[in-house]
Amino acid sequence: MEPITHLMTGACLARAGFNRKAAYATVAMTLAAEAPDLDTLWAIGGPVPAFQHHRGWTHTFFGLPFEAAVLVGAFWLFHRWRSRKAMVKPTIAPVRWGWLYGLILIALLSHLLLDWTNNYGLRPFFPFNPRWYSGSFVFIFEPVLFLVLLVSLVAPSLFGLIGSEIGVHRPPFRGRGWAIFGLLAMVALWAFRFVEHGKAVQLAQTNDYNGPNVIRAAADPYPINPFRWQTVVETPTFYQVSTADTLSGTMSSGSEANTVYKPPTTLATLRAKQSWLGEVYLDWSQWPVVTDIGADQDGVSTVTFQDLRFVYDSPPLSGRTIPLSGSAYVNADRRVVRMEFAGRVQH
């Protein structure tokens, strides 16, 4: 999920009652809910290492205890610095470092859960199990979920302002009911979308593709509309990208359907797959299409890497090149002379 949804989820978890258990719980859980995305710092090394390490060990069950320890240590140092200052007000909740560690772990786990719901996926059991898992039933930015969490966090403050105008006493911990409502609404949205996702996959599997057998099928979400899904089907000779409407139980046809024939394997594609970019991409991609575009006047062949899960036209992606696609350039000596990912050159 995008960062703001993660942060708001952590804040709702804290306000649901955990902020009464230990000091600093609200800020700690809010920050911890987004902390695994610190792996974006790998972008300093270029687009390929950024892609290679995105949702890496910081998004694993193995890494979370260490991340929680680092965060608790940071708050412990802050508390020591704060305690040395004169006239410091005591915290409302008790200082309990064991409790804080457990609460941070919960917030970190929420990050993994939210990331699993979209179609990029993650490897929670790495390094023991390198498999990628993805629920593929919530778009990476879901406006409905965003609005629900935002209302859950803002509403207590708005009602608090009204209460202060009429002299109502403000409790030390506010917004518990709203936070619980936001979290329950999130689970309800997930459950509804999960069911519709299953229907979309079933529609894709049973649709007639003019004869060929369906090897496998997948469905990927659109934002807002829980009844509209992109479907991808593999047959022996081609991939079919379509749109499923689970409300009417129909599949798209015409301009909304796209047939992608499996490209032939060439010497250039074989070499590109062995490159740094190729190995990382094929390790992650669940629906890869590796295509030899051809050689230029200098004999350099362009090999593109695309994942069919991300070819559909959704508002945040409209008018852009296919997200999470890359290219490797192979010269006449079968050497990879250049790599690009997401429009950036790897130097």
Foldseek 3Di string as FASTA:
>chain_A
DDLVLLLLLQQLLCLLPLCQAAPPSNVLLSCLSRVLQVLCVLCVQPDLSSLLCGLHLSLAPVNLLVVLVVSLVVVVVVVVVQVPDPPRDDTPHHHDSVSSSVSSSVSNVNNNVLQQAADQFHDHHPPVDLDTHHLQQAHPDAVVLVVLSVCLVCVFVVVVVVCVVVPHDDDPRDRNVSSVVSVVVVVVSSVLSSVLQVLQQVLVQPDDPPDFHWPGKGWHDAHPDSQWIWMWTDGPFWIKTWIGGSVVSDIDDDPRIDIGTQEDDDLLQVLVCVDSNNVSLVSRAPAWHWYFPDADPQQKIKIKIAHVNQPDAHVVCHPHDGAFMKIFIAHPVRDTPWIGTRRITRD
